[in-house]
Protein backbone atom coordinates (compact mmCIF):
# COMPACT_ATOMS: atom_id res chain seq x y z
CA MET A 1 98.98 84.34 137.89
CA LYS A 2 99.68 82.31 134.72
CA LYS A 3 95.81 81.94 133.97
CA ILE A 4 95.50 85.63 134.43
CA SER A 5 98.53 86.19 132.02
CA LEU A 6 97.04 83.97 129.48
CA VAL A 7 93.51 85.31 129.65
CA LEU A 8 94.84 88.87 129.50
CA ALA A 9 97.11 87.70 126.45
CA VAL A 10 94.17 86.07 124.53
CA PHE A 11 91.97 89.23 124.96
CA SER A 12 94.71 91.53 123.89
CA ALA A 13 94.77 89.42 120.81
CA LEU A 14 91.28 89.28 120.42
CA VAL A 15 91.06 93.04 120.60
CA LEU A 16 93.53 93.87 118.35
CA THR A 17 92.12 91.13 115.75
CA LEU A 18 88.75 92.57 115.98
CA SER A 19 90.08 96.39 115.77
CA ALA A 20 91.84 95.29 112.64
CA CYS A 21 88.47 94.01 111.21
CA ALA A 22 87.02 97.22 111.55
CA GLY A 23 88.84 98.42 108.46
CA VAL A 24 89.56 101.89 109.16
CA SER A 25 92.80 103.18 107.85
CA PHE A 26 94.42 106.44 107.95
CA LEU A 27 96.16 107.81 104.95
CA SER A 28 98.52 110.78 104.35
CA PRO A 29 96.78 113.77 102.80
CA ASP A 30 99.74 113.41 100.28
CA ASP A 31 98.25 110.13 99.06
CA LEU A 32 94.90 112.07 97.78
CA ASP A 33 95.41 114.59 94.76
CA LEU A 34 92.75 116.88 95.24
CA ASP A 35 94.08 119.78 93.43
CA LYS A 36 91.72 119.50 90.27
CA ALA A 37 89.21 121.59 88.48
CA TYR A 38 85.46 120.84 90.43
CA ASN A 39 82.13 121.34 89.05
CA PHE A 40 79.44 120.17 91.01
CA SER A 41 75.85 121.11 92.17
CA ALA A 42 75.56 121.91 95.93
CA ASN A 43 72.43 121.30 98.00
CA MET A 44 72.96 123.14 101.33
CA SER A 45 71.18 123.17 104.41
CA PHE A 46 71.91 125.35 107.39
CA GLY A 47 69.67 125.72 110.49
CA SER A 48 66.15 126.12 108.75
CA PHE A 49 67.35 127.44 105.45
CA ASP A 50 68.00 125.64 102.47
CA ALA A 51 69.60 126.66 99.32
CA SER A 52 71.19 124.93 95.93
CA ALA A 53 74.07 126.37 93.97
CA GLN A 54 76.32 125.28 90.97
CA PHE A 55 80.16 125.47 92.32
CA GLU A 56 83.16 125.44 89.71
CA ARG A 57 86.81 125.49 90.80
CA GLN A 58 89.02 127.03 88.06
CA SER A 59 92.31 127.01 89.72
CA ALA A 60 93.28 127.33 93.37
CA SER A 61 91.55 129.77 95.33
CA VAL A 62 89.40 130.72 92.28
CA TRP A 63 85.88 129.66 92.02
CA ASN A 64 82.45 130.73 90.55
CA VAL A 65 79.15 130.21 92.14
CA THR A 66 75.57 130.59 90.83
CA PHE A 67 72.41 129.99 93.08
CA SER A 68 69.34 128.28 91.70
CA GLU A 69 67.37 127.87 95.11
CA PRO A 70 65.99 129.57 96.85
CA TYR A 71 63.83 131.33 94.41
CA ALA A 72 64.82 134.82 95.83
CA LEU A 73 68.37 134.10 95.05
CA ALA A 74 68.20 132.36 91.84
CA GLY A 75 70.57 133.49 89.52
CA MET A 76 72.88 135.22 91.89
CA GLU A 77 76.81 135.01 91.02
CA ILE A 78 79.50 134.81 93.08
CA VAL A 79 83.13 134.83 92.20
CA TYR A 80 85.63 133.92 94.87
CA ARG A 81 89.26 134.64 94.14
CA SER A 82 91.91 134.38 96.92
CA GLY A 83 89.69 135.57 99.64
CA GLU A 84 87.91 138.36 97.73
CA VAL A 85 84.28 137.88 96.83
CA THR A 86 82.36 139.56 93.59
CA SER A 87 78.71 139.25 93.98
CA ARG A 88 76.43 140.18 90.85
CA PHE A 89 72.75 139.80 91.19
CA GLU A 90 69.75 141.85 88.91
CA GLY A 91 72.40 144.17 87.55
CA VAL A 92 74.10 145.02 90.62
CA GLU A 93 77.48 144.03 91.46
CA PHE A 94 80.06 144.55 94.48
CA THR A 95 83.26 143.22 95.67
CA ALA A 96 84.03 142.69 99.21
CA PRO A 97 86.79 140.69 101.43
CA GLY A 98 85.84 137.03 101.80
CA ASN A 99 83.75 136.62 105.09
CA SER A 100 84.24 133.32 106.36
CA ASP A 101 80.93 133.29 108.07
CA ALA A 102 78.86 133.22 104.72
CA VAL A 103 77.88 129.76 103.58
CA VAL A 104 79.95 129.65 100.11
CA ALA A 105 83.08 130.90 101.71
CA GLN A 106 82.78 128.10 104.33
CA ILE A 107 82.59 125.60 101.61
CA ILE A 108 85.46 127.17 99.54
CA ASP A 109 87.49 127.32 102.55
CA ALA A 110 87.11 123.67 103.49
CA PHE A 111 87.59 122.48 100.03
CA GLU A 112 90.64 124.60 99.93
CA ASP A 113 91.96 123.30 103.31
CA ALA A 114 91.50 119.71 102.19
CA ILE A 115 93.06 120.22 98.90
CA GLY A 116 96.13 121.91 100.76
CA GLY A 117 96.13 118.73 102.92
CA GLU A 118 98.17 120.66 106.01
CA GLY A 119 96.91 119.66 109.38
CA CYS A 120 94.18 117.22 107.51
CA GLU A 121 93.44 113.87 108.81
CA VAL A 122 92.44 111.34 106.16
CA THR A 123 90.81 107.86 106.98
CA ARG A 124 89.72 105.18 104.56
CA GLY A 125 86.30 103.86 105.51
CA GLN A 126 85.66 100.41 106.61
CA LYS A 127 85.75 97.13 104.56
CA GLY A 128 83.13 97.42 101.88
CA SER A 129 82.80 101.10 102.22
CA GLU A 130 84.07 103.27 99.30
CA GLU A 131 84.55 106.58 101.17
CA ILE A 132 87.64 108.75 102.25
CA ARG A 133 86.95 110.88 104.86
CA VAL A 134 88.88 114.40 105.27
CA THR A 135 88.78 116.20 108.61
CA SER A 136 90.28 119.41 109.78
CA LYS A 137 89.68 123.02 110.62
CA ALA A 138 89.25 125.75 108.02
CA GLY A 139 88.41 129.50 107.83
CA GLY A 140 89.34 132.49 109.87
CA LYS A 141 87.51 131.00 112.98
CA GLY A 142 88.98 127.35 112.62
CA SER A 143 85.67 125.73 112.11
CA ALA A 144 86.23 121.71 111.94
CA TYR A 145 84.71 120.27 108.95
CA GLU A 146 84.41 116.58 107.49
CA LEU A 147 84.74 116.02 103.71
CA VAL A 148 83.52 112.88 102.38
CA LEU A 149 84.77 111.56 99.01
CA ASN A 150 84.38 108.62 96.78
CA GLU A 151 87.40 106.63 97.00
CA ARG A 152 87.79 105.59 93.70
CA ASP A 153 87.87 108.84 92.07
CA ASN A 154 88.08 111.42 94.97
CA ARG A 155 84.62 113.08 93.88
CA PRO A 156 82.93 115.12 96.80
CA LEU A 157 79.98 113.38 98.31
CA SER A 158 79.32 115.35 101.23
CA LEU A 159 80.51 118.27 103.54
CA VAL A 160 79.45 118.97 107.32
CA ILE A 161 80.63 122.09 109.49
CA ALA A 162 78.98 121.03 112.49
CA GLU A 163 79.64 124.40 114.24
CA SER A 164 77.81 126.23 111.59
CA SER A 165 75.09 123.56 111.57
CA LEU A 166 75.79 123.18 107.57
CA SER A 167 75.59 120.13 105.59
CA VAL A 168 76.07 120.00 101.68
CA ASN A 169 75.40 117.07 99.35
CA PHE A 170 77.10 117.31 96.15
CA ALA A 171 75.62 116.05 92.83
CA ASP A 172 76.59 116.12 89.08
CA VAL A 173 80.18 116.21 90.02
CA ARG A 174 82.68 116.70 87.28
CA VAL A 175 86.35 116.43 88.19
CA ALA A 176 89.11 117.50 85.56
CA GLN A 177 92.53 118.51 85.64
CA ILE A 178 93.37 122.08 85.98
CA VAL A 179 94.26 123.82 82.54
CA GLN A 180 96.44 126.73 82.82
CA VAL A 181 95.94 129.62 80.36
CA ILE A 182 98.85 131.82 79.36
CA VAL A 183 97.84 134.83 77.40
CA PRO A 184 100.76 136.05 75.11
CA SER A 185 101.83 139.90 76.16
CA GLU A 186 100.98 142.40 73.26
CA SER A 187 103.71 143.56 71.27
CA GLU A 188 104.14 147.23 70.95
């Protein structure tokens, strides 16, 4: 019996040592300061459709998006403001409630959810990896997502929403502090 106990103790110590070497650590969402102004190019792939757009986050739930690919959508502008979407394309403009099924809305919902941090699981990658992974559910349907960030500066690298078969790679990322603009009221 002592031999079995000794073997189990050694095996347990070995398992704990090996799992500690994996280097995955959990962080609190509060450890990340993601409430920033972002500007990035997003290369999106969903199903057999590919698109590219420039995203700009000005402040909480305020985004501007301009499509560059495919050619048929090039120049389409979308303004997302707290769930309301205004689209402009070839002289036509319309406003509608945000549809969480739309690719742009899914990307924005995932970002805003990660920024808010509530219900998110944040993990730091293995030793030698410079990635932080934020996983949670976002949008009206509660779609699970994984947002991968650079550990040094929290720049977004990629986003995957498996339920929608959506994968996004980010390029030309710029991150800055949000600047609040106060407009003085007019005197009568």
